């Protein structure tokens, strides 16, 4: 019996190619967008754009085709039902926080799984990721930690110099008298 094969449609090939470039991001979070209307999806996109992230509704079959050979391929087992992705090449914590903040509203978004820098994360781990400080905050904490001992050293040196000056001033006053 002959097997029927057909050429893929040009629009689907283009969509897979475009999706493949999106899936090359360092962070991909799979979500279930069920219950969100067009206005709600627009609100999610706006919130995520502020965190330098994107939000896109995808067909599971096209996601599987586009993810071949990428870290996002690890998410294939979690593709079930309506799927949208959060993607960013920048701060994964900021994306997770923005998603969590939006989910506090009337229409929570269910996280299915994620890939961050090649590591597969569960929905609970994505929630934990949203709880840690962002990159900028961590940088400030490191700089503050490095600056603290230096500030203490400068204060000690100033105190010692002041004591030396007062001692010398006292000696000079005694000799003048």
N, C-alpha and C. Protein backbone atom coordinates (compact mmCIF):
# COMPACT_ATOMS: atom_id res chain seq x y z
N UNK A 1 0.85 -1.17 0.00
CA UNK A 1 0.00 0.00 0.00
C UNK A 1 0.89 1.24 0.00
N UNK A 2 0.68 2.17 -0.89
CA UNK A 2 1.54 3.36 -0.97
C UNK A 2 1.32 4.28 0.23
N UNK A 3 2.41 4.85 0.68
CA UNK A 3 2.34 5.77 1.81
C UNK A 3 2.27 7.19 1.26
N UNK A 4 1.30 7.95 1.72
CA UNK A 4 1.15 9.31 1.22
C UNK A 4 2.00 10.25 2.05
N UNK A 5 2.81 10.98 1.38
CA UNK A 5 3.60 12.02 2.05
C UNK A 5 3.36 13.31 1.30
N UNK A 6 3.37 14.37 2.04
CA UNK A 6 3.17 15.65 1.38
C UNK A 6 4.25 16.61 1.86
N UNK A 7 4.50 17.54 1.07
CA UNK A 7 5.49 18.57 1.39
C UNK A 7 4.92 19.48 2.47
N UNK A 8 5.77 19.90 3.40
CA UNK A 8 5.28 20.84 4.42
C UNK A 8 4.91 22.18 3.78
N UNK A 9 3.90 22.80 4.33
CA UNK A 9 3.47 24.10 3.81
C UNK A 9 4.52 25.15 4.10
N UNK A 10 4.66 26.08 3.19
CA UNK A 10 5.69 27.12 3.30
C UNK A 10 5.51 27.96 4.57
N UNK A 11 4.25 28.25 4.93
CA UNK A 11 4.02 29.06 6.12
C UNK A 11 4.43 28.32 7.39
N UNK A 12 4.24 27.00 7.41
CA UNK A 12 4.63 26.20 8.58
C UNK A 12 6.16 26.10 8.68
N UNK A 13 6.81 25.97 7.55
CA UNK A 13 8.28 25.92 7.52
C UNK A 13 8.84 27.24 8.06
N UNK A 14 8.26 28.35 7.63
CA UNK A 14 8.70 29.66 8.10
C UNK A 14 8.44 29.82 9.59
N UNK A 15 7.30 29.33 10.06
CA UNK A 15 6.96 29.42 11.48
C UNK A 15 7.92 28.59 12.33
N UNK A 16 8.27 27.40 11.88
CA UNK A 16 9.21 26.55 12.61
C UNK A 16 10.58 27.22 12.65
N UNK A 17 10.99 27.81 11.54
CA UNK A 17 12.28 28.50 11.48
C UNK A 17 12.32 29.68 12.46
N UNK A 18 11.24 30.45 12.48
CA UNK A 18 11.16 31.59 13.40
C UNK A 18 11.13 31.12 14.85
N UNK A 19 10.38 30.07 15.12
CA UNK A 19 10.29 29.53 16.47
C UNK A 19 11.64 28.97 16.91
N UNK A 20 12.38 28.37 16.01
CA UNK A 20 13.71 27.84 16.32
C UNK A 20 14.63 28.96 16.81
N UNK A 21 14.56 30.13 16.17
CA UNK A 21 15.39 31.26 16.61
C UNK A 21 14.96 31.75 17.99
N UNK A 22 13.67 31.68 18.31
CA UNK A 22 13.18 32.06 19.63
C UNK A 22 13.65 31.06 20.69
N UNK A 23 13.64 29.78 20.33
CA UNK A 23 14.01 28.72 21.28
C UNK A 23 15.51 28.66 21.56
N UNK A 24 16.29 29.44 20.86
CA UNK A 24 17.73 29.51 21.13
C UNK A 24 18.04 30.38 22.34
N UNK A 25 17.02 30.99 22.92
CA UNK A 25 17.18 31.81 24.13
C UNK A 25 17.69 30.94 25.27
N UNK A 26 18.36 31.56 26.22
CA UNK A 26 18.93 30.78 27.34
C UNK A 26 17.87 30.31 28.31
N UNK A 27 16.72 30.97 28.32
CA UNK A 27 15.64 30.59 29.24
C UNK A 27 14.34 30.41 28.47
N UNK A 28 13.73 29.25 28.63
CA UNK A 28 12.43 28.95 28.03
C UNK A 28 11.55 28.40 29.16
N UNK A 29 10.41 29.04 29.38
CA UNK A 29 9.47 28.58 30.40
C UNK A 29 8.17 28.20 29.70
N UNK A 30 7.76 26.94 29.84
CA UNK A 30 6.49 26.48 29.26
C UNK A 30 5.35 26.82 30.21
N UNK A 31 4.30 27.39 29.66
CA UNK A 31 3.14 27.73 30.48
C UNK A 31 1.86 27.24 29.81
N UNK A 32 0.82 27.16 30.60
CA UNK A 32 -0.52 26.84 30.11
C UNK A 32 -1.29 28.16 30.16
N UNK A 33 -1.72 28.64 29.02
CA UNK A 33 -2.40 29.94 28.97
C UNK A 33 -3.92 29.81 29.03
N UNK A 34 -4.42 28.62 29.35
CA UNK A 34 -5.85 28.39 29.39
C UNK A 34 -6.52 29.34 30.37
N UNK A 35 -7.60 29.96 29.95
CA UNK A 35 -8.33 30.90 30.79
C UNK A 35 -7.98 32.35 30.49
N UNK A 36 -6.94 32.57 29.69
CA UNK A 36 -6.57 33.93 29.31
C UNK A 36 -7.23 34.29 27.99
N UNK A 37 -7.79 35.48 27.94
CA UNK A 37 -8.31 35.96 26.68
C UNK A 37 -7.23 36.79 25.98
N UNK A 38 -7.55 37.37 24.85
CA UNK A 38 -6.56 38.14 24.08
C UNK A 38 -6.02 39.31 24.90
N UNK A 39 -6.90 39.97 25.64
CA UNK A 39 -6.48 41.10 26.47
C UNK A 39 -5.51 40.63 27.57
N UNK A 40 -5.81 39.48 28.16
CA UNK A 40 -4.95 38.91 29.20
C UNK A 40 -3.58 38.55 28.67
N UNK A 41 -3.53 37.95 27.48
CA UNK A 41 -2.25 37.60 26.87
C UNK A 41 -1.47 38.87 26.55
N UNK A 42 -2.16 39.91 26.12
CA UNK A 42 -1.49 41.20 25.88
C UNK A 42 -0.90 41.77 27.16
N UNK A 43 -1.61 41.61 28.26
CA UNK A 43 -1.11 42.09 29.56
C UNK A 43 0.13 41.31 29.99
N UNK A 44 0.11 39.99 29.77
CA UNK A 44 1.27 39.16 30.11
C UNK A 44 2.47 39.61 29.28
N UNK A 45 2.24 39.81 28.00
CA UNK A 45 3.34 40.23 27.11
C UNK A 45 3.93 41.56 27.56
N UNK A 46 3.06 42.49 27.95
CA UNK A 46 3.54 43.81 28.39
C UNK A 46 4.39 43.67 29.66
N UNK A 47 3.90 42.88 30.61
CA UNK A 47 4.62 42.66 31.87
C UNK A 47 5.99 42.02 31.61
N UNK A 48 6.01 41.03 30.72
CA UNK A 48 7.26 40.35 30.42
C UNK A 48 8.21 41.21 29.59
N UNK A 49 7.67 42.06 28.75
CA UNK A 49 8.51 42.96 27.96
C UNK A 49 9.31 43.88 28.88
N UNK A 50 8.70 44.29 29.99
CA UNK A 50 9.39 45.13 30.98
C UNK A 50 10.58 44.38 31.59
N UNK A 51 10.53 43.05 31.57
CA UNK A 51 11.62 42.22 32.11
C UNK A 51 12.53 41.71 30.98
N UNK A 52 12.47 42.36 29.82
CA UNK A 52 13.26 41.97 28.64
C UNK A 52 13.02 40.52 28.25
N UNK A 53 11.76 40.12 28.30
CA UNK A 53 11.35 38.75 27.95
C UNK A 53 10.21 38.82 26.95
N UNK A 54 9.91 37.69 26.36
CA UNK A 54 8.80 37.61 25.42
C UNK A 54 7.84 36.51 25.82
N UNK A 55 6.64 36.55 25.23
CA UNK A 55 5.61 35.56 25.50
C UNK A 55 4.98 35.20 24.18
N UNK A 56 4.89 33.92 23.90
CA UNK A 56 4.39 33.49 22.60
C UNK A 56 3.58 32.20 22.74
N UNK A 57 2.42 32.19 22.13
CA UNK A 57 1.59 30.99 22.07
C UNK A 57 2.15 30.13 20.94
N UNK A 58 2.34 28.84 21.21
CA UNK A 58 2.92 27.94 20.21
C UNK A 58 2.07 26.68 20.05
N UNK A 59 2.15 26.10 18.87
CA UNK A 59 1.55 24.79 18.65
C UNK A 59 2.57 23.76 19.12
N UNK A 60 2.10 22.77 19.84
CA UNK A 60 2.99 21.75 20.40
C UNK A 60 3.78 21.02 19.31
N UNK A 61 3.13 20.70 18.21
CA UNK A 61 3.82 19.96 17.14
C UNK A 61 4.93 20.81 16.52
N UNK A 62 4.68 22.10 16.35
CA UNK A 62 5.71 22.98 15.78
C UNK A 62 6.84 23.21 16.79
N UNK A 63 6.49 23.26 18.08
CA UNK A 63 7.51 23.40 19.11
C UNK A 63 8.47 22.21 19.06
N UNK A 64 7.90 21.01 18.96
CA UNK A 64 8.73 19.80 18.91
C UNK A 64 9.68 19.82 17.71
N UNK A 65 9.17 20.26 16.56
CA UNK A 65 10.02 20.32 15.36
C UNK A 65 11.12 21.37 15.52
N UNK A 66 10.78 22.52 16.07
CA UNK A 66 11.75 23.61 16.21
C UNK A 66 12.78 23.34 17.29
N UNK A 67 12.42 22.56 18.29
CA UNK A 67 13.31 22.33 19.44
C UNK A 67 14.38 21.27 19.19
N UNK A 68 14.30 20.57 18.10
CA UNK A 68 15.26 19.49 17.82
C UNK A 68 16.68 20.05 17.83
N UNK A 69 17.53 19.44 18.67
CA UNK A 69 18.93 19.84 18.74
C UNK A 69 19.20 21.01 19.68
N UNK A 70 18.17 21.56 20.31
CA UNK A 70 18.33 22.69 21.23
C UNK A 70 18.05 22.23 22.67
N UNK A 71 18.41 23.06 23.63
CA UNK A 71 18.12 22.75 25.04
C UNK A 71 16.62 22.62 25.27
N UNK A 72 15.83 23.36 24.50
CA UNK A 72 14.37 23.33 24.66
C UNK A 72 13.78 21.96 24.34
N UNK A 73 14.55 21.10 23.69
CA UNK A 73 14.07 19.76 23.37
C UNK A 73 13.75 18.96 24.64
N UNK A 74 14.39 19.33 25.75
CA UNK A 74 14.14 18.65 27.03
C UNK A 74 12.71 18.88 27.52
N UNK A 75 12.04 19.90 26.98
CA UNK A 75 10.68 20.23 27.42
C UNK A 75 9.60 19.46 26.66
N UNK A 76 9.98 18.67 25.65
CA UNK A 76 9.00 18.00 24.79
C UNK A 76 8.02 17.13 25.58
N UNK A 77 8.48 16.49 26.66
CA UNK A 77 7.59 15.62 27.43
C UNK A 77 6.50 16.41 28.18
N UNK A 78 6.72 17.71 28.36
CA UNK A 78 5.74 18.53 29.07
C UNK A 78 4.76 19.24 28.14
N UNK A 79 4.82 18.93 26.85
CA UNK A 79 3.92 19.55 25.88
C UNK A 79 2.58 18.82 25.89
N UNK A 80 1.62 19.40 26.53
CA UNK A 80 0.28 18.84 26.56
C UNK A 80 -0.69 19.99 26.74
N UNK A 81 -1.75 20.00 25.96
CA UNK A 81 -2.74 21.05 26.08
C UNK A 81 -2.23 22.36 25.50
N UNK A 82 -2.94 23.44 25.77
CA UNK A 82 -2.53 24.74 25.24
C UNK A 82 -1.18 25.16 25.84
N UNK A 83 -0.28 25.59 24.98
CA UNK A 83 1.07 25.92 25.43
C UNK A 83 1.50 27.29 24.94
N UNK A 84 2.10 28.03 25.85
CA UNK A 84 2.75 29.30 25.50
C UNK A 84 4.12 29.27 26.16
N UNK A 85 5.04 30.03 25.60
CA UNK A 85 6.39 30.04 26.15
C UNK A 85 6.79 31.45 26.56
N UNK A 86 7.54 31.51 27.65
CA UNK A 86 8.22 32.74 28.06
C UNK A 86 9.66 32.50 27.67
N UNK A 87 10.27 33.46 26.99
CA UNK A 87 11.64 33.29 26.56
C UNK A 87 12.44 34.56 26.81
N UNK A 88 13.70 34.37 27.17
CA UNK A 88 14.60 35.49 27.37
C UNK A 88 16.04 35.02 27.22
N UNK A 89 16.87 35.89 26.72
CA UNK A 89 18.30 35.60 26.62
C UNK A 89 19.04 36.35 27.72
N UNK A 90 18.29 37.06 28.55
CA UNK A 90 18.91 37.87 29.60
C UNK A 90 18.71 37.24 30.97
N UNK A 91 18.04 37.91 31.87
CA UNK A 91 17.92 37.49 33.26
C UNK A 91 16.73 36.53 33.46
N UNK A 92 16.99 35.24 33.72
CA UNK A 92 15.88 34.30 33.93
C UNK A 92 15.08 34.62 35.19
N UNK A 93 15.72 35.21 36.18
CA UNK A 93 15.03 35.54 37.43
C UNK A 93 13.99 36.63 37.17
N UNK A 94 14.35 37.63 36.37
CA UNK A 94 13.41 38.71 36.06
C UNK A 94 12.19 38.18 35.32
N UNK A 95 12.41 37.25 34.39
CA UNK A 95 11.28 36.66 33.66
C UNK A 95 10.38 35.86 34.60
N UNK A 96 10.97 35.07 35.48
CA UNK A 96 10.19 34.27 36.43
C UNK A 96 9.41 35.17 37.39
N UNK A 97 10.05 36.26 37.84
CA UNK A 97 9.38 37.20 38.74
C UNK A 97 8.19 37.88 38.05
N UNK A 98 8.40 38.32 36.80
CA UNK A 98 7.32 38.99 36.07
C UNK A 98 6.15 38.03 35.86
N UNK A 99 6.45 36.79 35.54
CA UNK A 99 5.40 35.79 35.35
C UNK A 99 4.65 35.54 36.66
N UNK A 100 5.39 35.46 37.75
CA UNK A 100 4.77 35.23 39.06
C UNK A 100 3.91 36.43 39.47
N UNK A 101 4.40 37.64 39.22
CA UNK A 101 3.61 38.84 39.55
C UNK A 101 2.31 38.87 38.79
N UNK A 102 2.35 38.53 37.50
CA UNK A 102 1.12 38.52 36.71
C UNK A 102 0.17 37.45 37.24
N UNK A 103 0.72 36.32 37.66
CA UNK A 103 -0.11 35.21 38.12
C UNK A 103 -0.82 35.49 39.44
N UNK A 104 -0.41 36.54 40.14
CA UNK A 104 -1.08 36.90 41.39
C UNK A 104 -2.45 37.51 41.12
N UNK A 105 -2.72 37.90 39.87
CA UNK A 105 -3.97 38.54 39.52
C UNK A 105 -5.11 37.55 39.37
N UNK A 106 -6.13 37.97 38.64
CA UNK A 106 -7.34 37.17 38.48
C UNK A 106 -7.13 35.91 37.65
N UNK A 107 -6.21 35.96 36.68
CA UNK A 107 -5.98 34.82 35.80
C UNK A 107 -4.57 34.27 35.98
N UNK A 108 -4.39 33.36 36.92
CA UNK A 108 -3.04 32.82 37.11
C UNK A 108 -2.61 31.97 35.92
N UNK A 109 -1.33 32.02 35.63
CA UNK A 109 -0.75 31.22 34.56
C UNK A 109 -0.05 30.03 35.19
N UNK A 110 -0.35 28.85 34.71
CA UNK A 110 0.24 27.63 35.25
C UNK A 110 1.55 27.36 34.51
N UNK A 111 2.63 27.25 35.25
CA UNK A 111 3.93 26.92 34.68
C UNK A 111 4.02 25.40 34.60
N UNK A 112 4.47 24.90 33.45
CA UNK A 112 4.62 23.45 33.25
C UNK A 112 6.04 23.01 33.58
N UNK A 113 7.03 23.66 32.99
CA UNK A 113 8.44 23.32 33.18
C UNK A 113 9.27 24.43 32.54
N UNK A 114 10.58 24.34 32.69
CA UNK A 114 11.46 25.35 32.09
C UNK A 114 12.83 24.76 31.83
N UNK A 115 13.54 25.43 30.94
CA UNK A 115 14.96 25.15 30.71
C UNK A 115 15.69 26.47 30.90
N UNK A 116 16.66 26.47 31.83
CA UNK A 116 17.46 27.66 32.09
C UNK A 116 18.92 27.27 31.94
N UNK A 117 19.58 27.88 30.99
CA UNK A 117 20.99 27.59 30.71
C UNK A 117 21.25 26.09 30.58
N UNK A 118 20.34 25.39 29.91
CA UNK A 118 20.52 23.97 29.67
C UNK A 118 20.04 23.05 30.77
N UNK A 119 19.57 23.61 31.88
CA UNK A 119 19.10 22.80 33.01
C UNK A 119 17.58 22.76 33.02
N UNK A 120 17.03 21.57 33.12
CA UNK A 120 15.59 21.38 33.17
C UNK A 120 15.08 21.69 34.57
N UNK A 121 14.05 22.54 34.67
CA UNK A 121 13.46 22.91 35.95
C UNK A 121 11.99 22.51 35.99
N UNK A 122 11.53 22.13 37.16
CA UNK A 122 10.11 21.83 37.35
C UNK A 122 9.37 23.15 37.61
N UNK A 123 8.05 23.07 37.67
CA UNK A 123 7.24 24.26 37.95
C UNK A 123 7.59 24.84 39.33
N UNK A 124 7.81 23.97 40.32
CA UNK A 124 8.17 24.44 41.66
C UNK A 124 9.52 25.14 41.66
N UNK A 125 10.46 24.62 40.90
CA UNK A 125 11.78 25.24 40.82
C UNK A 125 11.71 26.61 40.14
N UNK A 126 10.81 26.78 39.18
CA UNK A 126 10.62 28.09 38.55
C UNK A 126 10.07 29.07 39.59
N UNK A 127 9.17 28.60 40.44
CA UNK A 127 8.66 29.43 41.54
C UNK A 127 9.77 29.83 42.49
N UNK A 128 10.67 28.90 42.80
CA UNK A 128 11.81 29.21 43.66
C UNK A 128 12.75 30.20 42.98
N UNK A 129 12.90 30.08 41.68
CA UNK A 129 13.76 30.99 40.91
C UNK A 129 13.24 32.43 41.03
N UNK A 130 11.92 32.57 41.06
CA UNK A 130 11.33 33.90 41.16
C UNK A 130 11.57 34.54 42.52
N UNK A 131 11.92 33.74 43.51
CA UNK A 131 12.12 34.26 44.87
C UNK A 131 13.52 34.81 45.11
N UNK A 132 14.49 34.43 44.28
CA UNK A 132 15.86 34.92 44.51
C UNK A 132 16.03 36.30 43.91
N UNK A 133 16.98 37.06 44.40
CA UNK A 133 17.20 38.40 43.85
C UNK A 133 17.65 38.35 42.39
N UNK A 134 17.36 39.41 41.65
CA UNK A 134 17.77 39.50 40.25
C UNK A 134 19.25 39.76 40.11
N UNK A 135 19.74 39.72 38.87
CA UNK A 135 21.17 39.91 38.62
C UNK A 135 21.68 41.24 39.16
N UNK A 136 20.95 42.33 38.89
CA UNK A 136 21.40 43.65 39.34
C UNK A 136 21.50 43.71 40.86
N UNK A 137 20.51 43.14 41.53
CA UNK A 137 20.51 43.12 42.99
C UNK A 137 21.68 42.29 43.52
N UNK A 138 21.96 41.17 42.88
CA UNK A 138 23.09 40.33 43.29
C UNK A 138 24.42 41.05 43.07
N UNK A 139 24.53 41.77 41.95
CA UNK A 139 25.75 42.55 41.70
C UNK A 139 25.95 43.59 42.81
N UNK A 140 24.88 44.27 43.19
CA UNK A 140 24.96 45.27 44.26
C UNK A 140 25.38 44.63 45.58
N UNK A 141 24.86 43.44 45.85
CA UNK A 141 25.21 42.76 47.09
C UNK A 141 26.69 42.38 47.10
N UNK A 142 27.22 41.92 45.97
CA UNK A 142 28.64 41.56 45.87
C UNK A 142 29.51 42.79 46.05
N UNK A 143 29.16 43.87 45.36
CA UNK A 143 29.94 45.11 45.48
C UNK A 143 29.88 45.62 46.91
N UNK A 144 28.71 45.56 47.53
CA UNK A 144 28.59 45.99 48.93
C UNK A 144 29.44 45.13 49.85
N UNK A 145 29.47 43.83 49.58
CA UNK A 145 30.29 42.92 50.39
C UNK A 145 31.77 43.20 50.22
N UNK A 146 32.18 43.55 49.02
CA UNK A 146 33.58 43.88 48.77
C UNK A 146 33.94 45.25 49.35
N UNK A 147 32.98 46.16 49.30
CA UNK A 147 33.23 47.53 49.75
C UNK A 147 33.30 47.63 51.28
N UNK A 148 32.58 46.78 51.98
CA UNK A 148 32.50 46.86 53.43
C UNK A 148 33.86 46.77 54.13
N UNK A 149 34.69 45.78 53.84
CA UNK A 149 36.00 45.73 54.51
C UNK A 149 36.89 46.93 54.17
N UNK A 150 36.79 47.40 52.95
CA UNK A 150 37.59 48.55 52.53
C UNK A 150 37.15 49.79 53.30
N UNK A 151 35.84 49.96 53.45
CA UNK A 151 35.31 51.10 54.21
C UNK A 151 35.79 51.03 55.66
N UNK A 152 35.75 49.83 56.24
CA UNK A 152 36.23 49.66 57.62
C UNK A 152 37.71 49.99 57.74
N UNK A 153 38.51 49.57 56.76
CA UNK A 153 39.95 49.86 56.77
C UNK A 153 40.20 51.36 56.67
N UNK A 154 39.48 52.03 55.80
CA UNK A 154 39.63 53.49 55.66
C UNK A 154 39.26 54.19 56.96
N UNK A 155 38.18 53.76 57.60
CA UNK A 155 37.77 54.36 58.87
C UNK A 155 38.82 54.18 59.94
N UNK A 156 39.40 52.97 60.02
CA UNK A 156 40.45 52.69 61.00
C UNK A 156 41.69 53.55 60.74
N UNK A 157 42.06 53.66 59.47
CA UNK A 157 43.24 54.47 59.11
C UNK A 157 43.00 55.95 59.46
N UNK A 158 41.80 56.44 59.19
CA UNK A 158 41.49 57.85 59.52
C UNK A 158 41.57 58.06 61.03
N UNK A 159 41.07 57.11 61.79
CA UNK A 159 41.09 57.22 63.25
C UNK A 159 42.54 57.23 63.75
N UNK A 160 43.37 56.35 63.18
CA UNK A 160 44.77 56.31 63.60
C UNK A 160 45.50 57.61 63.25
N UNK A 161 45.23 58.13 62.08
CA UNK A 161 45.86 59.40 61.67
C UNK A 161 45.40 60.52 62.58
N UNK A 162 44.11 60.54 62.91
CA UNK A 162 43.59 61.58 63.81
C UNK A 162 44.26 61.49 65.18
N UNK A 163 44.42 60.28 65.72
CA UNK A 163 45.08 60.11 67.01
C UNK A 163 46.53 60.57 66.94
N UNK A 164 47.20 60.27 65.83
CA UNK A 164 48.59 60.72 65.66
C UNK A 164 48.66 62.24 65.62
N UNK A 165 47.76 62.87 64.91
CA UNK A 165 47.74 64.33 64.83
C UNK A 165 47.48 64.94 66.20
N UNK A 166 46.49 64.39 66.95
CA UNK A 166 46.21 64.91 68.29
C UNK A 166 47.40 64.72 69.22
N UNK A 167 48.07 63.57 69.10
CA UNK A 167 49.26 63.30 69.94
C UNK A 167 50.37 64.30 69.61
N UNK A 168 50.61 64.49 68.32
CA UNK A 168 51.65 65.46 67.91
C UNK A 168 51.28 66.87 68.34
N UNK A 169 50.00 67.20 68.24
CA UNK A 169 49.55 68.53 68.68
C UNK A 169 49.75 68.71 70.20
N UNK A 170 49.48 67.63 70.95
CA UNK A 170 49.69 67.66 72.39
C UNK A 170 51.17 67.82 72.73
N UNK A 171 52.04 67.13 72.04
CA UNK A 171 53.48 67.25 72.25
C UNK A 171 53.95 68.67 71.90
N UNK A 172 53.43 69.20 70.80
CA UNK A 172 53.80 70.57 70.39
C UNK A 172 53.32 71.58 71.40
N UNK A 173 52.13 71.39 71.96
CA UNK A 173 51.61 72.33 72.97
C UNK A 173 52.45 72.26 74.24
N UNK A 174 52.90 71.06 74.65
CA UNK A 174 53.73 70.92 75.86
C UNK A 174 55.08 71.60 75.68
N UNK A 175 55.68 71.48 74.52
CA UNK A 175 56.99 72.07 74.28
C UNK A 175 56.90 73.58 74.18
N UNK A 176 55.75 74.07 73.71
CA UNK A 176 55.57 75.51 73.58
C UNK A 176 55.35 76.12 74.96
N UNK A 177 54.82 75.38 75.90
CA UNK A 177 54.53 75.92 77.21
C UNK A 177 55.70 75.95 78.12
